[in-house]
């Protein structure tokens, strides 16, 4: 099938569902509130800071996307391009965008509190605490997964760290211009684009070389500092700059694929159980959510929406654009990834391409090895993306490969520091029970520097060995399980507080919960034993985290099935 037809189908699906289903949720489920948003009512200059909707969209999208909507779809092509696209599209419109929008808006209605706090309000009081522990482990796995991926990108593409650290420097300047000097939005945007272009130009000529472990140490220091700084000093302006990188990449890539008029050069389907996770035959169901996470749906988005974005939303009406629109934009990015590799994949298979492409089973069996020889998922995407753009628009491949690598790295680093900020919030909530009985210990552990260090150190330690192929599916499982729990939470909010039917939301939560629970059990049975043998410390730590999360998950599901009937759900912002 032609990639042009596929991209038109994808865009059509997103536009239709945004205007029909998304606006239905906004109008009939969420409704209107007479109160100002928490960003205005609770302004503190650190976390509660109202933002221009385009600036907030940049921060929100860069935080939720990371490297996942690129890496996951590339790996999933071992099953073929059709299963990958179907999981992305159906996951986006029926679960992902609904999950993101309602997580954001339920938090806005409760003073910008976290999704786990909302769960304690609308389910059971203890649910909030158990949920917080579950989320804390998820965030540690996010730091580990993205730290490992980012470390490898920095080693293989030495120009990328130059560009990124220049962006950090420029972001501080941009933040000063936007929030201290109060330049108008148009002038600030022009400055942001100029500084972004300057960082790319400098990266080409001044690469920075360092070892994988050196980069991990730098990441550790950076995300601790970034998690403690006010959002308008670094996060908002840096993510707004990244948003322009995103727009440029999406537009250029979208136009190139739209006018490529090229057929997909790799098989539509290969086999049900391709050797993907830990080299084991991995059945498409239930293991697909372990691979394609954020590109289809993601529980991490609920943490961003209820953790940082809800504290920066200026007007409630902008929530649909930020939450629902942000997820669909991420899905479109994953669609571009699948189509880019699908168009040019044949040219990246070397001398073995004819025998492999003529046999879908052979392709499925050999794809992961081919991907590895092409530079891993990021390398394969960057080369494929650059080849498509060069083929249609004539932009030099070297420049586009760097741009694609920067794309992945910028969003991965954004996810890293946002994750650590969210982990700081979550850890402080976990420590609440000792606040009165051990005030000194509580104050020490919840100090913003200490609370930022703890999750960062554990996550970077997990990434130290560089075994991202083991960390990634563990992160995917935890992330998607979090999505199902967040969906149960917002379903309860819709039914018990908004007094609206939520059968469609609840059915999506059940489907996802069954799928991911089965996938986690499969991972423990099929992959974990080999991981323990290969790397005992990392293997046992991942296994322990997965077992704990399954147990916490079962307790949470019990709570959702038997909510506290006496809980006060009538009053929001209470």
Protein backbone atom coordinates (compact mmCIF):
# COMPACT_ATOMS: atom_id res chain seq x y z
CA UNK A 1 0.00 0.00 0.00
CA UNK A 2 1.15 3.56 -0.72
CA UNK A 3 2.54 5.56 2.16
CA UNK A 4 0.62 8.57 0.81
CA UNK A 5 -2.70 6.80 1.32
CA UNK A 6 -1.70 5.66 4.80
CA UNK A 7 -0.71 9.13 6.00
CA UNK A 8 -3.98 10.57 4.66
CA UNK A 9 -5.92 7.87 6.53
CA UNK A 10 -4.01 8.63 9.71
CA UNK A 11 -4.61 12.39 9.47
CA UNK A 12 -8.28 11.77 8.71
CA UNK A 13 -8.71 9.56 11.77
CA UNK A 14 -7.11 12.17 14.04
CA UNK A 15 -9.07 15.15 12.69
CA UNK A 16 -12.41 13.35 12.85
CA UNK A 17 -11.96 12.06 16.40
CA UNK A 18 -10.60 15.38 17.70
CA UNK A 19 -13.63 17.32 16.44
CA UNK A 20 -16.24 14.68 17.23
CA UNK A 21 -15.21 12.59 20.23
CA UNK A 22 -12.80 15.09 21.79
CA UNK A 23 -15.26 17.97 21.72
CA UNK A 24 -18.02 15.67 22.97
CA UNK A 25 -15.89 14.91 26.04
CA UNK A 26 -15.19 18.61 26.51
CA UNK A 27 -18.82 19.62 26.19
CA UNK A 28 -20.77 16.74 27.75
CA UNK A 29 -18.37 15.04 30.18
CA UNK A 30 -16.01 17.69 31.55
CA UNK A 31 -18.32 20.68 31.15
CA UNK A 32 -17.46 24.15 32.46
CA UNK A 33 -16.29 25.44 35.82
CA UNK A 34 -16.88 28.93 37.18
CA UNK A 35 -13.53 29.00 38.96
CA UNK A 36 -10.20 30.17 37.57
CA UNK A 37 -7.67 27.47 36.80
CA UNK A 38 -5.20 26.50 39.58
CA UNK A 39 -2.38 28.22 37.66
CA UNK A 40 -4.10 31.56 38.31
CA UNK A 41 -5.77 30.96 41.68
CA UNK A 42 -2.72 29.32 43.28
CA UNK A 43 0.08 31.13 41.48
CA UNK A 44 3.39 30.67 43.32
CA UNK A 45 6.00 31.44 40.67
CA UNK A 46 7.54 27.97 40.94
CA UNK A 47 5.06 25.22 40.00
CA UNK A 48 1.79 27.14 39.55
CA UNK A 49 2.56 29.45 36.63
CA UNK A 50 -0.03 30.20 33.88
CA UNK A 51 1.45 29.72 30.42
CA UNK A 52 0.54 30.70 26.89
CA UNK A 53 -1.28 27.69 25.41
CA UNK A 54 1.33 27.21 22.68
CA UNK A 55 4.18 27.37 25.18
CA UNK A 56 2.35 24.89 27.40
CA UNK A 57 1.63 22.63 24.43
CA UNK A 58 5.37 22.60 23.70
CA UNK A 59 6.21 21.73 27.30
CA UNK A 60 3.43 19.14 27.57
CA UNK A 61 4.21 17.45 24.26
CA UNK A 62 7.96 17.38 24.79
CA UNK A 63 7.41 15.90 28.25
CA UNK A 64 4.99 13.16 27.20
CA UNK A 65 6.74 12.21 23.97
CA UNK A 66 10.34 11.57 24.90
CA UNK A 67 11.95 8.96 22.71
CA UNK A 68 9.13 6.44 23.14
CA UNK A 69 6.93 7.32 20.13
CA UNK A 70 9.98 6.81 17.94
CA UNK A 71 11.77 3.85 19.52
CA UNK A 72 8.68 1.71 20.21
CA UNK A 73 7.20 1.79 16.69
CA UNK A 74 10.59 1.06 15.10
CA UNK A 75 11.02 -2.07 17.25
CA UNK A 76 7.40 -3.15 16.67
CA UNK A 77 7.99 -3.39 12.90
CA UNK A 78 9.24 -6.90 13.59
CA UNK A 79 5.52 -7.78 13.61
CA UNK A 80 4.99 -5.80 10.39
CA UNK A 81 3.86 -2.25 9.67
CA UNK A 82 0.11 -2.97 9.74
CA UNK A 83 -0.15 -4.24 13.36
CA UNK A 84 2.01 -1.30 14.48
CA UNK A 85 -0.19 1.30 12.77
CA UNK A 86 -3.43 -0.28 13.99
CA UNK A 87 -2.23 -0.33 17.60
CA UNK A 88 -1.11 3.29 17.30
CA UNK A 89 -4.32 4.60 15.70
CA UNK A 90 -6.87 2.67 17.76
CA UNK A 91 -4.90 3.18 20.96
CA UNK A 92 -4.70 6.94 20.28
CA UNK A 93 -8.34 7.70 19.67
CA UNK A 94 -10.11 5.21 21.95
CA UNK A 95 -7.79 5.15 24.97
CA UNK A 96 -4.72 7.42 24.82
CA UNK A 97 -6.29 10.81 24.03
CA UNK A 98 -9.26 10.17 26.36
CA UNK A 99 -6.90 9.15 29.16
CA UNK A 100 -4.69 12.22 28.69
CA UNK A 101 -7.50 14.78 28.48
CA UNK A 102 -9.50 13.49 31.45
CA UNK A 103 -6.38 13.06 33.62
CA UNK A 104 -5.50 16.69 32.94
CA UNK A 105 -9.00 18.06 33.56
CA UNK A 106 -9.75 16.03 36.68
CA UNK A 107 -6.52 17.40 38.13
CA UNK A 108 -7.47 20.97 37.15
CA UNK A 109 -10.77 20.54 39.01
CA UNK A 110 -8.84 19.46 42.12
CA UNK A 111 -6.37 22.36 42.39
CA UNK A 112 -3.75 20.71 40.17
CA UNK A 113 -3.37 17.68 42.44
CA UNK A 114 -1.83 14.49 41.08
CA UNK A 115 -3.81 11.64 39.54
CA UNK A 116 -3.07 9.49 42.59
CA UNK A 117 -4.47 12.23 44.87
CA UNK A 118 -7.61 12.28 42.73
CA UNK A 119 -7.85 8.48 43.08
CA UNK A 120 -7.83 8.85 46.84
CA UNK A 121 -10.59 11.43 46.57
CA UNK A 122 -12.96 9.47 44.34
CA UNK A 123 -12.14 5.81 45.24
CA UNK A 124 -10.63 5.18 48.69
CA UNK A 125 -8.32 7.20 50.86
CA UNK A 126 -5.73 4.41 50.96
CA UNK A 127 -5.84 4.14 47.14
CA UNK A 128 -3.93 7.39 46.85
CA UNK A 129 -1.02 6.09 48.92
CA UNK A 130 -0.77 2.71 47.18
CA UNK A 131 -1.07 4.43 43.80
CA UNK A 132 1.76 6.80 44.75
CA UNK A 133 4.11 3.88 45.42
CA UNK A 134 3.16 2.31 42.09
CA UNK A 135 3.84 5.59 40.30
CA UNK A 136 7.17 6.05 42.06
CA UNK A 137 8.42 2.73 40.65
CA UNK A 138 7.12 3.68 37.20
CA UNK A 139 9.05 6.95 37.31
CA UNK A 140 12.25 5.16 38.30
CA UNK A 141 11.86 2.89 35.26
CA UNK A 142 11.25 5.92 33.04
CA UNK A 143 14.50 7.51 34.25
CA UNK A 144 16.31 4.22 33.61
CA UNK A 145 14.86 3.65 30.13
CA UNK A 146 15.34 7.16 28.82
CA UNK A 147 18.72 7.57 30.52
CA UNK A 148 19.99 4.44 28.77
CA UNK A 149 18.61 5.45 25.37
CA UNK A 150 19.87 9.02 25.67
CA UNK A 151 23.33 7.88 26.77
CA UNK A 152 23.65 5.74 23.63
CA UNK A 153 22.49 8.60 21.40
CA UNK A 154 25.05 10.97 22.91
CA UNK A 155 27.83 8.43 22.35
CA UNK A 156 26.89 7.59 18.74
CA UNK A 157 25.92 11.13 17.67
CA UNK A 158 28.50 13.40 19.30
CA UNK A 159 26.92 16.51 17.77
CA UNK A 160 23.68 15.95 19.68
CA UNK A 161 24.98 16.79 23.18
CA UNK A 162 26.47 20.03 21.86
CA UNK A 163 23.11 21.08 20.47
CA UNK A 164 21.24 20.05 23.57
CA UNK A 165 23.42 21.82 26.12
CA UNK A 166 23.36 24.97 24.00
CA UNK A 167 19.57 24.72 24.04
CA UNK A 168 19.63 24.60 27.85
CA UNK A 169 21.77 27.77 27.91
CA UNK A 170 19.54 29.51 25.38
CA UNK A 171 16.40 28.36 27.22
CA UNK A 172 17.45 30.24 30.35
CA UNK A 173 17.91 33.36 28.21
CA UNK A 174 14.53 32.80 26.56
CA UNK A 175 12.87 32.36 29.95
CA UNK A 176 14.37 35.68 31.10
CA UNK A 177 13.09 37.39 27.96
CA UNK A 178 9.59 35.92 28.26
CA UNK A 179 8.98 36.20 32.01
CA UNK A 180 11.26 38.96 33.30
CA UNK A 181 11.50 41.37 30.37
CA UNK A 182 7.99 40.32 29.26
CA UNK A 183 8.64 40.58 25.53
CA UNK A 184 5.60 39.84 23.39
CA UNK A 185 4.96 36.28 22.24
CA UNK A 186 5.85 36.89 18.59
CA UNK A 187 9.25 38.43 19.32
CA UNK A 188 10.05 35.70 21.85
CA UNK A 189 9.17 33.05 19.27
CA UNK A 190 11.50 34.57 16.68
CA UNK A 191 14.33 34.63 19.25
CA UNK A 192 13.57 30.98 20.16
CA UNK A 193 13.82 29.88 16.51
CA UNK A 194 17.08 31.78 15.97
CA UNK A 195 18.67 30.24 19.08
CA UNK A 196 17.46 26.77 18.08
CA UNK A 197 19.03 27.17 14.63
CA UNK A 198 22.26 28.41 16.22
CA UNK A 199 22.48 25.35 18.46
CA UNK A 200 22.10 23.04 15.45
CA UNK A 201 24.73 24.94 13.45
CA UNK A 202 27.23 24.84 16.34
CA UNK A 203 26.61 21.12 16.88
CA UNK A 204 27.72 20.27 13.36
CA UNK A 205 31.14 21.85 13.91
CA UNK A 206 31.74 21.28 17.62
CA UNK A 207 30.75 17.74 18.66
CA UNK A 208 31.35 16.56 22.24
CA UNK A 209 32.76 13.07 22.79
CA UNK A 210 32.37 11.22 26.11
CA UNK A 211 31.72 7.70 27.37
CA UNK A 212 28.27 6.27 28.10
CA UNK A 213 28.88 6.23 31.88
CA UNK A 214 30.16 9.83 31.79
CA UNK A 215 26.94 10.95 30.18
CA UNK A 216 24.90 9.09 32.79
CA UNK A 217 26.70 10.97 35.58
CA UNK A 218 26.02 14.27 33.80
CA UNK A 219 22.35 13.29 33.38
CA UNK A 220 22.15 12.54 37.11
CA UNK A 221 23.40 15.99 38.07
CA UNK A 222 21.32 17.75 35.43
CA UNK A 223 17.94 16.16 36.22
CA UNK A 224 18.38 16.82 39.96
CA UNK A 225 18.97 20.51 39.28
CA UNK A 226 16.23 20.75 36.62
CA UNK A 227 13.69 19.08 38.92
CA UNK A 228 14.25 21.68 41.61
CA UNK A 229 14.21 24.86 39.49
CA UNK A 230 11.03 26.93 38.92
CA UNK A 231 9.29 25.76 35.72
CA UNK A 232 9.53 29.15 34.00
CA UNK A 233 13.32 29.31 34.32
CA UNK A 234 14.13 26.20 32.28
CA UNK A 235 11.29 23.75 31.57
CA UNK A 236 8.76 26.04 29.89
CA UNK A 237 11.17 27.98 27.61
CA UNK A 238 13.31 24.92 26.79
CA UNK A 239 10.26 22.86 25.88
CA UNK A 240 8.88 25.72 23.80
CA UNK A 241 12.11 25.74 21.78
CA UNK A 242 11.81 21.98 21.39
CA UNK A 243 8.27 22.46 20.12
CA UNK A 244 9.62 24.35 17.11
CA UNK A 245 11.99 21.48 16.45
CA UNK A 246 8.98 19.19 16.62
CA UNK A 247 6.91 21.34 14.26
CA UNK A 248 9.72 21.55 11.72
CA UNK A 249 10.33 17.80 11.87
CA UNK A 250 6.65 16.87 11.64
CA UNK A 251 5.93 19.26 8.77
CA UNK A 252 9.00 18.29 6.74
CA UNK A 253 8.47 14.58 7.38
CA UNK A 254 4.73 14.76 6.76
CA UNK A 255 5.13 16.62 3.47
CA UNK A 256 7.87 14.24 2.31
CA UNK A 257 5.80 11.12 3.01
CA UNK A 258 2.62 12.68 1.60
CA UNK A 259 4.31 13.37 -1.74
CA UNK A 260 6.59 10.35 -1.82
CA UNK A 261 3.95 8.17 -3.51
CA UNK A 262 6.04 5.16 -2.52
CA UNK A 263 4.78 1.71 -1.54
CA UNK A 264 5.72 0.19 1.80
CA UNK A 265 8.86 -1.84 1.17
CA UNK A 266 8.64 -4.11 4.21
CA UNK A 267 5.99 -6.76 4.98
CA UNK A 268 2.59 -5.63 6.27
CA UNK A 269 2.58 -8.59 8.68
CA UNK A 270 5.26 -11.12 9.59
CA UNK A 271 4.39 -13.55 12.38
CA UNK A 272 2.36 -13.51 15.57
CA UNK A 273 5.39 -14.23 17.80
CA UNK A 274 8.44 -12.44 16.44
CA UNK A 275 11.69 -12.66 18.48
CA UNK A 276 11.73 -9.17 20.00
CA UNK A 277 11.89 -8.97 23.80
CA UNK A 278 15.05 -10.51 25.21
CA UNK A 279 15.40 -12.51 21.98
CA UNK A 280 12.33 -14.57 22.96
CA UNK A 281 9.34 -15.25 20.67
CA UNK A 282 7.08 -12.38 21.70
CA UNK A 283 3.36 -12.78 20.92
CA UNK A 284 1.80 -9.60 19.51
CA UNK A 285 -0.92 -9.92 22.13
CA UNK A 286 -0.31 -9.32 24.96
CA UNK A 287 3.25 -8.00 24.54
CA UNK A 288 2.58 -5.13 22.10
CA UNK A 289 2.09 -2.57 24.94
CA UNK A 290 5.55 -3.49 26.25
CA UNK A 291 7.00 -2.19 22.98
CA UNK A 292 4.74 0.61 21.68
CA UNK A 293 4.07 2.71 24.75
CA UNK A 294 3.73 6.48 24.39
CA UNK A 295 3.07 6.37 20.64
CA UNK A 296 -0.28 4.68 21.25
CA UNK A 297 -1.17 5.42 24.88
CA UNK A 298 0.77 6.04 28.05
CA UNK A 299 0.16 6.22 31.78
CA UNK A 300 3.11 8.59 32.10
CA UNK A 301 0.97 11.19 30.34
CA UNK A 302 -1.42 11.19 33.30
CA UNK A 303 1.51 12.10 35.54
CA UNK A 304 2.55 14.97 33.29
CA UNK A 305 -1.02 16.20 32.81
CA UNK A 306 -1.83 16.10 36.53
CA UNK A 307 1.70 16.89 37.71
CA UNK A 308 2.92 19.89 35.74
CA UNK A 309 0.50 20.82 32.92
CA UNK A 310 -2.54 21.21 35.19
CA UNK A 311 -0.57 23.77 37.20
CA UNK A 312 0.18 25.83 34.07
CA UNK A 313 -3.16 25.74 32.20
CA UNK A 314 -4.46 29.33 31.83
CA UNK A 315 -8.01 28.52 30.69
CA UNK A 316 -10.00 25.30 30.96
CA UNK A 317 -11.06 25.49 27.32
CA UNK A 318 -7.39 25.05 26.34
CA UNK A 319 -7.31 21.65 28.02
CA UNK A 320 -8.63 19.83 24.93
CA UNK A 321 -5.87 21.29 22.75
CA UNK A 322 -3.19 20.40 25.32
CA UNK A 323 -4.38 16.99 26.51
CA UNK A 324 -6.38 15.44 23.67
CA UNK A 325 -4.46 17.24 20.91
CA UNK A 326 -1.09 16.45 22.45
CA UNK A 327 -1.78 12.70 22.38
CA UNK A 328 -2.98 12.78 18.77
CA UNK A 329 0.12 14.75 17.77
CA UNK A 330 2.27 12.11 19.38
CA UNK A 331 0.35 9.42 17.50
CA UNK A 332 0.99 11.28 14.24
CA UNK A 333 4.70 11.31 15.07
CA UNK A 334 4.64 7.53 15.56
CA UNK A 335 2.75 7.19 12.28
CA UNK A 336 5.53 9.11 10.51
CA UNK A 337 8.10 6.82 12.12
CA UNK A 338 6.39 3.65 10.88
CA UNK A 339 5.94 5.07 7.37
CA UNK A 340 9.51 6.41 7.13
CA UNK A 341 11.05 3.04 7.97
CA UNK A 342 8.40 1.26 5.92
CA UNK A 343 9.26 3.21 2.77
CA UNK A 344 13.06 2.97 2.97
CA UNK A 345 13.52 -0.24 4.96
CA UNK A 346 14.41 -2.28 1.91
CA UNK A 347 17.37 -0.03 1.20
CA UNK A 348 18.77 -0.60 4.69
CA UNK A 349 18.86 -4.39 4.58
CA UNK A 350 22.08 -4.72 2.60
CA UNK A 351 22.87 -7.77 0.48
CA UNK A 352 20.32 -9.95 2.26
CA UNK A 353 17.34 -7.80 1.34
CA UNK A 354 15.92 -9.88 -1.52
CA UNK A 355 15.77 -13.15 0.40
CA UNK A 356 14.44 -11.51 3.55
CA UNK A 357 11.85 -9.27 1.92
CA UNK A 358 10.43 -12.11 -0.14
CA UNK A 359 9.64 -14.05 3.04
CA UNK A 360 7.71 -12.27 5.79
CA UNK A 361 8.69 -14.91 8.34
CA UNK A 362 12.37 -14.42 7.54
CA UNK A 363 11.92 -10.67 7.91
CA UNK A 364 10.30 -11.07 11.33
CA UNK A 365 13.06 -13.41 12.50
CA UNK A 366 15.89 -11.17 11.27
CA UNK A 367 14.50 -7.69 11.76
CA UNK A 368 15.89 -6.98 15.24
CA UNK A 369 19.39 -7.96 14.04
CA UNK A 370 18.98 -5.73 10.97
CA UNK A 371 17.81 -2.85 13.14
CA UNK A 372 20.81 -3.27 15.44
CA UNK A 373 23.26 -3.22 12.52
CA UNK A 374 21.62 0.01 11.30
CA UNK A 375 22.32 1.83 14.57
CA UNK A 376 19.47 0.56 16.72
CA UNK A 377 15.94 2.01 16.66
CA UNK A 378 17.13 5.62 16.78
CA UNK A 379 19.77 5.07 14.09
CA UNK A 380 17.35 3.25 11.80
CA UNK A 381 14.70 5.96 12.21
CA UNK A 382 17.20 8.78 11.62
CA UNK A 383 18.52 7.18 8.42
CA UNK A 384 15.05 6.32 7.14
CA UNK A 385 13.64 9.74 7.90
CA UNK A 386 16.62 11.47 6.24
CA UNK A 387 16.33 9.22 3.17
CA UNK A 388 12.63 10.02 2.67
CA UNK A 389 13.13 13.77 3.08
CA UNK A 390 16.11 13.77 0.72
CA UNK A 391 14.21 11.70 -1.85
CA UNK A 392 11.28 14.15 -2.00
CA UNK A 393 12.63 17.53 -0.85
CA UNK A 394 16.34 17.23 -1.54
CA UNK A 395 17.48 18.32 1.93
CA UNK A 396 20.94 16.82 2.60
CA UNK A 397 20.86 13.51 4.44
CA UNK A 398 23.65 14.45 6.87
CA UNK A 399 21.66 17.41 8.15
CA UNK A 400 18.43 15.43 8.44
CA UNK A 401 20.12 12.53 10.27
CA UNK A 402 21.42 15.02 12.84
CA UNK A 403 18.02 16.69 13.07
CA UNK A 404 16.27 13.35 13.62
CA UNK A 405 18.77 12.34 16.32
CA UNK A 406 18.35 15.73 18.00
CA UNK A 407 14.61 15.26 17.83
CA UNK A 408 14.81 12.03 19.80
CA UNK A 409 17.45 13.30 22.22
CA UNK A 410 15.71 16.59 23.00
CA UNK A 411 12.43 14.91 23.87
CA UNK A 412 14.18 12.15 25.81
CA UNK A 413 16.03 14.67 27.97
CA UNK A 414 12.83 16.63 28.48
CA UNK A 415 11.11 13.48 29.68
CA UNK A 416 14.03 12.77 32.00
CA UNK A 417 13.91 16.06 33.88
CA UNK A 418 10.09 16.22 33.91
CA UNK A 419 10.04 12.65 35.24
CA UNK A 420 12.39 13.50 38.06
CA UNK A 421 10.29 16.53 38.95
CA UNK A 422 7.21 14.31 39.10
CA UNK A 423 9.13 11.77 41.19
CA UNK A 424 9.97 14.55 43.64
CA UNK A 425 6.27 15.38 44.01
CA UNK A 426 5.37 11.70 44.37
CA UNK A 427 8.06 10.95 46.93
CA UNK A 428 6.87 13.87 49.04
CA UNK A 429 3.34 12.42 48.99
CA UNK A 430 4.66 8.99 50.00
CA UNK A 431 6.38 10.54 53.03
CA UNK A 432 3.18 12.23 54.26
CA UNK A 433 2.41 9.52 56.93
CA UNK A 434 5.58 10.41 58.90
CA UNK A 435 5.05 14.16 58.68
CA UNK A 436 3.75 14.52 62.23
CA UNK A 437 5.54 11.65 63.97
CA UNK A 438 9.02 12.27 62.53
CA UNK A 439 9.07 15.89 61.40
CA UNK A 440 12.88 16.09 61.10
CA UNK A 441 13.18 13.00 58.90
CA UNK A 442 10.20 14.14 56.84
CA UNK A 443 11.70 17.58 56.24
CA UNK A 444 15.03 16.07 55.22
CA UNK A 445 13.61 13.46 52.82
CA UNK A 446 11.14 15.85 51.20
CA UNK A 447 13.70 18.61 50.73
CA UNK A 448 13.54 19.32 46.99
CA UNK A 449 17.19 18.38 46.47
CA UNK A 450 17.05 15.12 48.44
CA UNK A 451 13.68 14.12 46.98
CA UNK A 452 15.07 14.78 43.49
CA UNK A 453 18.27 12.80 44.14
CA UNK A 454 16.66 9.55 45.32
CA UNK A 455 14.68 8.56 42.17
CA UNK A 456 17.38 9.96 39.89
CA UNK A 457 20.10 7.87 41.54
CA UNK A 458 18.10 4.61 41.44
CA UNK A 459 17.07 5.14 37.80
CA UNK A 460 20.58 6.00 36.61
CA UNK A 461 21.96 2.99 38.51
CA UNK A 462 19.52 0.74 36.61
CA UNK A 463 20.69 2.27 33.32
CA UNK A 464 24.39 1.95 34.18
CA UNK A 465 24.87 -1.42 32.46
CA UNK A 466 23.34 -0.15 29.22
CA UNK A 467 20.91 -3.08 28.76
CA UNK A 468 18.13 -0.94 27.31
CA UNK A 469 16.52 -3.96 25.58
CA UNK A 470 15.63 -5.34 29.02
CA UNK A 471 14.71 -2.00 30.58
CA UNK A 472 12.50 -0.86 27.70
CA UNK A 473 9.81 -3.58 27.93
CA UNK A 474 9.81 -3.32 31.73
CA UNK A 475 9.22 0.42 31.39
CA UNK A 476 6.52 -0.23 28.76
CA UNK A 477 4.68 -2.69 31.01
CA UNK A 478 4.75 -0.40 34.02
CA UNK A 479 3.77 2.58 31.91
CA UNK A 480 0.77 0.91 30.28
CA UNK A 481 -0.40 -0.59 33.56
CA UNK A 482 -0.33 2.92 34.98
CA UNK A 483 -2.53 4.02 32.06
CA UNK A 484 -5.18 1.42 32.92
CA UNK A 485 -5.18 2.48 36.59
CA UNK A 486 -5.45 6.15 35.59
CA UNK A 487 -8.37 5.25 33.31
CA UNK A 488 -10.13 3.52 36.21
CA UNK A 489 -9.55 6.69 38.25
CA UNK A 490 -10.96 9.11 35.68
CA UNK A 491 -13.88 6.71 35.06
CA UNK A 492 -14.71 6.96 38.75
CA UNK A 493 -14.39 10.77 38.60
CA UNK A 494 -16.72 10.93 35.59
CA UNK A 495 -19.32 8.66 37.21
CA UNK A 496 -19.18 9.80 40.83
CA UNK A 497 -18.36 13.50 40.54
CA UNK A 498 -19.44 14.54 37.04
CA UNK A 499 -22.48 12.20 37.22
CA UNK A 500 -21.98 11.08 33.62
CA UNK A 501 -21.92 7.57 32.09
CA UNK A 502 -18.41 6.29 31.48
CA UNK A 503 -18.88 2.79 30.04
CA UNK A 504 -16.61 3.49 27.05
CA UNK A 505 -13.81 4.78 29.28
CA UNK A 506 -14.24 1.93 31.74
CA UNK A 507 -14.25 -0.75 29.00
CA UNK A 508 -10.99 0.66 27.62
CA UNK A 509 -9.50 0.46 31.11
CA UNK A 510 -10.53 -3.18 31.49
CA UNK A 511 -9.15 -4.17 28.07
CA UNK A 512 -5.85 -2.46 28.79
CA UNK A 513 -5.57 -3.87 32.32
CA UNK A 514 -6.10 -7.47 31.14
CA UNK A 515 -3.61 -7.02 28.28
CA UNK A 516 -0.84 -5.46 30.35
CA UNK A 517 -1.26 -7.80 33.33
CA UNK A 518 -0.87 -10.77 30.98
CA UNK A 519 2.16 -9.12 29.38
CA UNK A 520 3.84 -8.51 32.75
CA UNK A 521 3.32 -12.13 33.77
CA UNK A 522 4.75 -13.24 30.41
CA UNK A 523 7.79 -10.97 30.94
CA UNK A 524 8.49 -12.46 34.37
CA UNK A 525 8.16 -16.01 33.05
CA UNK A 526 9.93 -15.70 29.69
CA UNK A 527 12.42 -12.82 29.93
CA UNK A 528 13.35 -12.20 33.57
CA UNK A 529 15.21 -15.52 34.14
CA UNK A 530 17.56 -14.82 31.23
CA UNK A 531 18.08 -11.23 32.41
CA UNK A 532 19.08 -12.46 35.86
CA UNK A 533 21.67 -14.82 34.38
CA UNK A 534 23.11 -12.18 32.06
CA UNK A 535 23.24 -9.32 34.56
CA UNK A 536 22.26 -10.46 38.09
CA UNK A 537 22.06 -7.01 39.72
CA UNK A 538 19.97 -5.41 37.00
CA UNK A 539 17.96 -8.59 36.38
CA UNK A 540 16.98 -9.11 40.02
CA UNK A 541 16.22 -5.41 40.51
CA UNK A 542 13.95 -5.33 37.45
CA UNK A 543 12.28 -8.57 38.53
CA UNK A 544 11.67 -7.25 42.05
CA UNK A 545 10.19 -4.01 40.73
CA UNK A 546 7.89 -5.91 38.35
CA UNK A 547 6.68 -8.28 41.09
CA UNK A 548 6.02 -5.40 43.49
CA UNK A 549 4.12 -3.52 40.80
CA UNK A 550 1.92 -6.52 39.99
CA UNK A 551 1.04 -6.86 43.68
CA UNK A 552 0.29 -3.14 44.01
CA UNK A 553 -1.73 -3.33 40.82
CA UNK A 554 -3.93 -6.11 42.22
CA UNK A 555 -4.57 -4.13 45.41
CA UNK A 556 -5.51 -1.07 43.36
CA UNK A 557 -7.94 -3.05 41.20
CA UNK A 558 -9.58 -4.39 44.37
CA UNK A 559 -10.00 -0.82 45.61
CA UNK A 560 -11.55 0.28 42.32
CA UNK A 561 -14.00 -2.63 42.46
CA UNK A 562 -15.07 -1.71 46.00
CA UNK A 563 -14.89 2.08 46.38
CA UNK A 564 -15.57 3.76 49.70
CA UNK A 565 -19.26 4.69 49.57
CA UNK A 566 -18.86 7.27 52.30
CA UNK A 567 -16.13 9.24 50.55
CA UNK A 568 -16.95 12.88 49.79
CA UNK A 569 -17.05 13.21 46.02
CA UNK A 570 -19.54 16.02 45.74
CA UNK A 571 -17.11 18.86 46.23
CA UNK A 572 -14.21 19.53 43.88
CA UNK A 573 -11.25 21.68 44.88
CA UNK A 574 -11.67 20.39 48.44
